[in-house]
């Protein structure tokens, strides 16, 4: 659905893949800073937009509340079916995956207003 409403050209979209922080490093704004640096890097390289699939409540909060991403499409884990099966039925802690995007034209990425945002996961991957 997302692709049907946009023309996606090579070199215009920065895809942020995985976002997680090792348990021993939680509470230090590591994930927020990794996303901020990835967005700054993408902006400097000329990307016009950033896109991510936020799979947990933690990453959804970081992308939306801290960095201003906009939710475009949501898939609920408990009701999603693929070839008649529910591959995500065992995921109980998080309700959905949300496809989000953000314009990188003339924007700043960091709005750390909530230092107590939930954090738990481990490592980050910035694809550019």
N, C-alpha and C. Protein backbone atom coordinates (compact mmCIF):
# COMPACT_ATOMS: atom_id res chain seq x y z
N UNK A 1 0.82 -1.20 0.00
CA UNK A 1 0.00 0.00 0.00
C UNK A 1 0.86 1.26 0.00
N UNK A 2 1.93 1.26 0.77
CA UNK A 2 2.81 2.42 0.88
C UNK A 2 3.42 2.76 -0.48
N UNK A 3 3.94 1.75 -1.15
CA UNK A 3 4.63 1.95 -2.42
C UNK A 3 3.64 2.41 -3.49
N UNK A 4 2.41 1.98 -3.41
CA UNK A 4 1.42 2.37 -4.40
C UNK A 4 1.11 3.87 -4.38
N UNK A 5 1.36 4.53 -3.27
CA UNK A 5 1.03 5.95 -3.15
C UNK A 5 2.25 6.86 -3.32
N UNK A 6 3.42 6.27 -3.62
CA UNK A 6 4.65 7.06 -3.74
C UNK A 6 5.50 6.57 -4.89
N UNK A 7 6.27 7.49 -5.43
CA UNK A 7 7.29 7.12 -6.40
C UNK A 7 8.60 7.04 -5.63
N UNK A 8 9.14 5.85 -5.52
CA UNK A 8 10.36 5.65 -4.74
C UNK A 8 11.52 5.47 -5.71
N UNK A 9 12.39 6.46 -5.71
CA UNK A 9 13.56 6.43 -6.60
C UNK A 9 14.81 6.08 -5.81
N UNK A 10 15.72 5.42 -6.47
CA UNK A 10 16.99 5.04 -5.87
C UNK A 10 17.69 6.27 -5.32
N UNK A 11 18.20 6.15 -4.10
CA UNK A 11 18.95 7.23 -3.48
C UNK A 11 18.11 8.30 -2.80
N UNK A 12 16.79 8.15 -2.78
CA UNK A 12 15.94 9.15 -2.13
C UNK A 12 15.49 8.73 -0.74
N UNK A 13 15.37 7.43 -0.49
CA UNK A 13 14.87 6.94 0.78
C UNK A 13 15.98 6.27 1.59
N UNK A 14 16.17 6.75 2.80
CA UNK A 14 17.09 6.13 3.75
C UNK A 14 16.29 5.10 4.53
N UNK A 15 16.70 3.83 4.49
CA UNK A 15 15.98 2.78 5.20
C UNK A 15 16.69 2.49 6.51
N UNK A 16 16.01 2.71 7.62
CA UNK A 16 16.55 2.39 8.94
C UNK A 16 16.05 1.00 9.29
N UNK A 17 16.99 0.05 9.36
CA UNK A 17 16.64 -1.35 9.49
C UNK A 17 16.29 -1.82 10.89
N UNK A 18 17.24 -2.01 11.73
CA UNK A 18 17.02 -2.56 13.07
C UNK A 18 17.43 -1.55 14.12
N UNK A 19 16.72 -1.55 15.23
CA UNK A 19 17.06 -0.66 16.32
C UNK A 19 16.92 -1.41 17.63
N UNK A 20 18.01 -1.53 18.36
CA UNK A 20 17.99 -2.22 19.64
C UNK A 20 19.19 -1.77 20.46
N UNK A 21 19.08 -1.92 21.79
CA UNK A 21 20.16 -1.52 22.69
C UNK A 21 20.37 -2.64 23.71
N UNK A 22 21.62 -3.02 23.93
CA UNK A 22 21.94 -4.05 24.91
C UNK A 22 21.41 -3.64 26.28
N UNK A 23 20.87 -4.59 26.98
CA UNK A 23 20.23 -4.32 28.27
C UNK A 23 21.13 -3.51 29.22
N UNK A 24 22.41 -3.81 29.25
CA UNK A 24 23.31 -3.12 30.18
C UNK A 24 23.52 -1.65 29.80
N UNK A 25 23.06 -1.24 28.61
CA UNK A 25 23.25 0.15 28.17
C UNK A 25 21.93 0.92 28.09
N UNK A 26 20.86 0.37 28.62
CA UNK A 26 19.58 1.07 28.57
C UNK A 26 19.60 2.30 29.46
N UNK A 27 18.72 3.23 29.14
CA UNK A 27 18.61 4.44 29.95
C UNK A 27 19.64 5.50 29.63
N UNK A 28 20.40 5.32 28.57
CA UNK A 28 21.46 6.27 28.22
C UNK A 28 21.21 6.97 26.89
N UNK A 29 20.01 6.87 26.36
CA UNK A 29 19.61 7.49 25.09
C UNK A 29 20.43 6.98 23.90
N UNK A 30 20.91 5.74 23.98
CA UNK A 30 21.71 5.16 22.90
C UNK A 30 20.88 5.05 21.62
N UNK A 31 19.69 4.47 21.71
CA UNK A 31 18.86 4.29 20.52
C UNK A 31 18.49 5.63 19.89
N UNK A 32 18.12 6.59 20.71
CA UNK A 32 17.76 7.92 20.19
C UNK A 32 18.93 8.55 19.45
N UNK A 33 20.11 8.42 20.01
CA UNK A 33 21.29 9.00 19.38
C UNK A 33 21.70 8.27 18.11
N UNK A 34 21.54 6.96 18.07
CA UNK A 34 21.85 6.21 16.85
C UNK A 34 20.91 6.66 15.73
N UNK A 35 19.61 6.78 16.03
CA UNK A 35 18.66 7.23 15.02
C UNK A 35 19.01 8.65 14.58
N UNK A 36 19.32 9.52 15.52
CA UNK A 36 19.68 10.91 15.18
C UNK A 36 20.88 10.94 14.24
N UNK A 37 21.91 10.16 14.55
CA UNK A 37 23.11 10.13 13.71
C UNK A 37 22.82 9.55 12.33
N UNK A 38 22.00 8.52 12.27
CA UNK A 38 21.63 7.94 10.98
C UNK A 38 20.86 8.96 10.13
N UNK A 39 19.94 9.69 10.75
CA UNK A 39 19.18 10.70 10.01
C UNK A 39 20.08 11.84 9.53
N UNK A 40 21.00 12.26 10.39
CA UNK A 40 21.95 13.31 9.97
C UNK A 40 22.83 12.82 8.82
N UNK A 41 23.31 11.60 8.91
CA UNK A 41 24.12 11.00 7.84
C UNK A 41 23.32 10.93 6.54
N UNK A 42 22.09 10.47 6.61
CA UNK A 42 21.25 10.38 5.43
C UNK A 42 20.99 11.74 4.81
N UNK A 43 20.72 12.71 5.64
CA UNK A 43 20.49 14.08 5.16
C UNK A 43 21.73 14.60 4.43
N UNK A 44 22.90 14.38 5.03
CA UNK A 44 24.15 14.84 4.42
C UNK A 44 24.44 14.15 3.09
N UNK A 45 23.99 12.91 2.96
CA UNK A 45 24.22 12.16 1.72
C UNK A 45 23.14 12.45 0.68
N UNK A 46 22.19 13.31 1.00
CA UNK A 46 21.20 13.72 0.02
C UNK A 46 19.90 12.95 0.00
N UNK A 47 19.67 12.07 0.96
CA UNK A 47 18.39 11.37 1.02
C UNK A 47 17.29 12.38 1.34
N UNK A 48 16.13 12.17 0.73
CA UNK A 48 15.01 13.10 0.93
C UNK A 48 14.06 12.65 2.02
N UNK A 49 13.99 11.34 2.25
CA UNK A 49 13.09 10.78 3.25
C UNK A 49 13.75 9.60 3.94
N UNK A 50 13.24 9.29 5.13
CA UNK A 50 13.68 8.10 5.86
C UNK A 50 12.46 7.23 6.09
N UNK A 51 12.66 5.92 6.07
CA UNK A 51 11.56 4.99 6.27
C UNK A 51 12.04 3.88 7.21
N UNK A 52 11.12 3.37 8.03
CA UNK A 52 11.45 2.28 8.94
C UNK A 52 10.22 1.42 9.20
N UNK A 53 10.46 0.20 9.61
CA UNK A 53 9.40 -0.68 10.08
C UNK A 53 9.64 -0.86 11.58
N UNK A 54 8.90 -0.16 12.40
CA UNK A 54 9.09 -0.22 13.85
C UNK A 54 8.28 -1.39 14.39
N UNK A 55 8.99 -2.36 14.98
CA UNK A 55 8.36 -3.63 15.35
C UNK A 55 8.01 -3.76 16.82
N UNK A 56 8.40 -2.80 17.64
CA UNK A 56 8.10 -2.89 19.07
C UNK A 56 7.59 -1.56 19.58
N UNK A 57 6.98 -1.58 20.75
CA UNK A 57 6.49 -0.34 21.35
C UNK A 57 7.64 0.62 21.61
N UNK A 58 8.80 0.08 21.96
CA UNK A 58 9.96 0.92 22.24
C UNK A 58 10.41 1.66 20.98
N UNK A 59 10.63 0.91 19.90
CA UNK A 59 11.09 1.57 18.66
C UNK A 59 10.01 2.49 18.09
N UNK A 60 8.76 2.12 18.22
CA UNK A 60 7.68 2.98 17.76
C UNK A 60 7.70 4.32 18.50
N UNK A 61 7.92 4.27 19.79
CA UNK A 61 8.01 5.49 20.59
C UNK A 61 9.20 6.35 20.16
N UNK A 62 10.34 5.72 19.99
CA UNK A 62 11.55 6.47 19.61
C UNK A 62 11.38 7.13 18.25
N UNK A 63 10.89 6.39 17.27
CA UNK A 63 10.74 6.97 15.94
C UNK A 63 9.66 8.05 15.90
N UNK A 64 8.51 7.79 16.51
CA UNK A 64 7.42 8.76 16.43
C UNK A 64 7.61 9.94 17.38
N UNK A 65 7.77 9.67 18.65
CA UNK A 65 7.77 10.73 19.65
C UNK A 65 9.08 11.52 19.69
N UNK A 66 10.18 10.83 19.55
CA UNK A 66 11.48 11.50 19.65
C UNK A 66 11.92 12.11 18.32
N UNK A 67 11.64 11.41 17.22
CA UNK A 67 12.19 11.84 15.94
C UNK A 67 11.15 12.29 14.92
N UNK A 68 9.89 12.29 15.27
CA UNK A 68 8.87 12.86 14.40
C UNK A 68 8.48 12.04 13.18
N UNK A 69 8.72 10.73 13.20
CA UNK A 69 8.26 9.89 12.10
C UNK A 69 6.73 9.83 12.11
N UNK A 70 6.15 9.60 10.95
CA UNK A 70 4.70 9.54 10.80
C UNK A 70 4.31 8.11 10.45
N UNK A 71 3.35 7.55 11.20
CA UNK A 71 2.87 6.20 10.92
C UNK A 71 2.08 6.21 9.62
N UNK A 72 2.41 5.28 8.71
CA UNK A 72 1.74 5.20 7.41
C UNK A 72 0.91 3.93 7.24
N UNK A 73 1.37 2.84 7.85
CA UNK A 73 0.64 1.58 7.70
C UNK A 73 0.97 0.70 8.91
N UNK A 74 -0.04 0.04 9.44
CA UNK A 74 0.15 -0.82 10.61
C UNK A 74 -0.39 -2.22 10.33
N UNK A 75 0.37 -3.23 10.76
CA UNK A 75 -0.06 -4.62 10.66
C UNK A 75 -0.09 -5.19 12.07
N UNK A 76 -1.24 -5.65 12.50
CA UNK A 76 -1.39 -6.24 13.83
C UNK A 76 -0.84 -7.66 13.82
N UNK A 77 0.02 -7.98 14.77
CA UNK A 77 0.64 -9.30 14.82
C UNK A 77 -0.39 -10.41 15.00
N UNK A 78 -1.39 -10.20 15.83
CA UNK A 78 -2.34 -11.26 16.16
C UNK A 78 -3.30 -11.59 15.03
N UNK A 79 -3.53 -10.66 14.10
CA UNK A 79 -4.50 -10.92 13.04
C UNK A 79 -3.87 -11.10 11.65
N UNK A 80 -2.58 -10.83 11.51
CA UNK A 80 -1.92 -10.95 10.21
C UNK A 80 -1.87 -12.40 9.78
N UNK A 81 -2.23 -12.64 8.51
CA UNK A 81 -2.19 -13.98 7.95
C UNK A 81 -1.36 -13.98 6.66
N UNK A 82 -0.57 -15.03 6.51
CA UNK A 82 0.20 -15.24 5.30
C UNK A 82 0.01 -16.69 4.88
N UNK A 83 -0.56 -16.88 3.69
CA UNK A 83 -0.85 -18.22 3.18
C UNK A 83 -1.65 -19.04 4.20
N UNK A 84 -2.61 -18.37 4.82
CA UNK A 84 -3.51 -19.05 5.74
C UNK A 84 -2.95 -19.27 7.14
N UNK A 85 -1.72 -18.85 7.39
CA UNK A 85 -1.11 -19.04 8.71
C UNK A 85 -0.88 -17.70 9.39
N UNK A 86 -0.74 -17.73 10.70
CA UNK A 86 -0.47 -16.53 11.49
C UNK A 86 0.98 -16.60 12.00
N UNK A 87 1.96 -16.15 11.21
CA UNK A 87 3.37 -16.31 11.57
C UNK A 87 3.81 -15.51 12.78
N UNK A 88 3.06 -14.49 13.17
CA UNK A 88 3.44 -13.65 14.31
C UNK A 88 2.56 -13.88 15.54
N UNK A 89 1.79 -14.93 15.53
CA UNK A 89 0.84 -15.20 16.62
C UNK A 89 1.52 -15.33 17.98
N UNK A 90 2.76 -15.74 18.01
CA UNK A 90 3.45 -15.92 19.29
C UNK A 90 3.93 -14.60 19.90
N UNK A 91 3.89 -13.52 19.14
CA UNK A 91 4.33 -12.22 19.66
C UNK A 91 3.20 -11.63 20.48
N UNK A 92 3.38 -11.56 21.76
CA UNK A 92 2.34 -11.07 22.67
C UNK A 92 2.68 -9.71 23.28
N UNK A 93 3.96 -9.41 23.41
CA UNK A 93 4.41 -8.20 24.12
C UNK A 93 4.15 -6.92 23.33
N UNK A 94 4.14 -7.02 22.00
CA UNK A 94 3.96 -5.85 21.14
C UNK A 94 2.79 -6.11 20.21
N UNK A 95 1.94 -5.11 19.99
CA UNK A 95 0.73 -5.35 19.20
C UNK A 95 0.92 -5.36 17.69
N UNK A 96 1.95 -4.65 17.18
CA UNK A 96 1.99 -4.48 15.73
C UNK A 96 3.36 -4.03 15.24
N UNK A 97 3.51 -4.08 13.92
CA UNK A 97 4.62 -3.45 13.23
C UNK A 97 4.02 -2.24 12.53
N UNK A 98 4.72 -1.11 12.57
CA UNK A 98 4.22 0.10 11.93
C UNK A 98 5.26 0.61 10.93
N UNK A 99 4.84 0.77 9.69
CA UNK A 99 5.68 1.39 8.68
C UNK A 99 5.58 2.90 8.89
N UNK A 100 6.74 3.56 9.02
CA UNK A 100 6.78 4.99 9.30
C UNK A 100 7.75 5.66 8.34
N UNK A 101 7.50 6.95 8.10
CA UNK A 101 8.46 7.71 7.32
C UNK A 101 8.59 9.12 7.86
N UNK A 102 9.59 9.81 7.34
CA UNK A 102 9.89 11.16 7.77
C UNK A 102 10.63 11.87 6.65
N UNK A 103 10.25 13.11 6.39
CA UNK A 103 10.97 13.92 5.42
C UNK A 103 12.29 14.35 6.04
N UNK A 104 13.34 14.32 5.25
CA UNK A 104 14.65 14.76 5.74
C UNK A 104 15.01 16.15 5.22
N UNK A 105 14.13 16.74 4.47
CA UNK A 105 14.41 18.07 3.91
C UNK A 105 14.22 19.13 4.99
N UNK A 106 15.31 19.76 5.37
CA UNK A 106 15.27 20.89 6.30
C UNK A 106 14.73 20.60 7.68
N UNK A 107 14.81 19.35 8.14
CA UNK A 107 14.28 19.04 9.46
C UNK A 107 15.41 18.71 10.43
N UNK A 108 15.13 18.87 11.69
CA UNK A 108 16.05 18.41 12.71
C UNK A 108 15.43 17.16 13.31
N UNK A 109 16.26 16.24 13.77
CA UNK A 109 15.72 14.94 14.13
C UNK A 109 15.56 14.69 15.62
N UNK A 110 16.19 15.45 16.47
CA UNK A 110 16.19 15.08 17.87
C UNK A 110 15.28 15.96 18.70
N UNK A 111 14.31 15.33 19.36
CA UNK A 111 13.43 16.03 20.28
C UNK A 111 13.38 15.21 21.57
N UNK A 112 14.45 15.19 22.30
CA UNK A 112 14.52 14.36 23.50
C UNK A 112 13.80 15.02 24.67
N UNK A 113 12.48 15.05 24.58
CA UNK A 113 11.70 15.66 25.65
C UNK A 113 11.41 14.65 26.76
N UNK A 114 11.45 13.38 26.43
CA UNK A 114 11.09 12.35 27.40
C UNK A 114 12.28 11.44 27.67
N UNK A 115 13.13 11.82 28.59
CA UNK A 115 14.33 11.03 28.90
C UNK A 115 13.99 9.68 29.50
N UNK A 116 12.76 9.51 30.01
CA UNK A 116 12.38 8.25 30.63
C UNK A 116 11.62 7.33 29.67
N UNK A 117 11.76 7.56 28.38
CA UNK A 117 11.08 6.71 27.39
C UNK A 117 11.50 5.26 27.59
N UNK A 118 10.59 4.32 27.33
CA UNK A 118 10.94 2.92 27.52
C UNK A 118 12.09 2.49 26.62
N UNK A 119 13.04 1.73 27.16
CA UNK A 119 14.19 1.23 26.40
C UNK A 119 14.50 -0.19 26.88
N UNK A 120 14.80 -1.09 25.95
CA UNK A 120 15.21 -2.42 26.38
C UNK A 120 16.09 -3.14 25.40
N UNK A 121 16.02 -2.85 24.16
CA UNK A 121 16.60 -3.75 23.18
C UNK A 121 18.04 -3.43 22.80
N UNK A 122 18.67 -4.27 21.99
CA UNK A 122 20.14 -4.24 21.83
C UNK A 122 20.81 -3.89 20.54
N UNK A 123 21.30 -3.24 19.87
CA UNK A 123 22.11 -2.94 18.69
C UNK A 123 21.32 -2.14 17.67
N UNK A 124 21.96 -1.41 16.92
CA UNK A 124 21.29 -0.60 15.90
C UNK A 124 21.98 -0.77 14.58
N UNK A 125 21.22 -0.66 13.53
CA UNK A 125 21.76 -0.85 12.19
C UNK A 125 21.27 0.30 11.32
N UNK A 126 22.16 1.12 10.86
CA UNK A 126 21.80 2.26 10.01
C UNK A 126 22.26 1.96 8.60
N UNK A 127 21.33 1.73 7.71
CA UNK A 127 21.66 1.44 6.31
C UNK A 127 21.60 2.73 5.52
N UNK A 128 22.67 3.06 4.83
CA UNK A 128 22.61 4.24 3.96
C UNK A 128 23.37 4.02 2.69
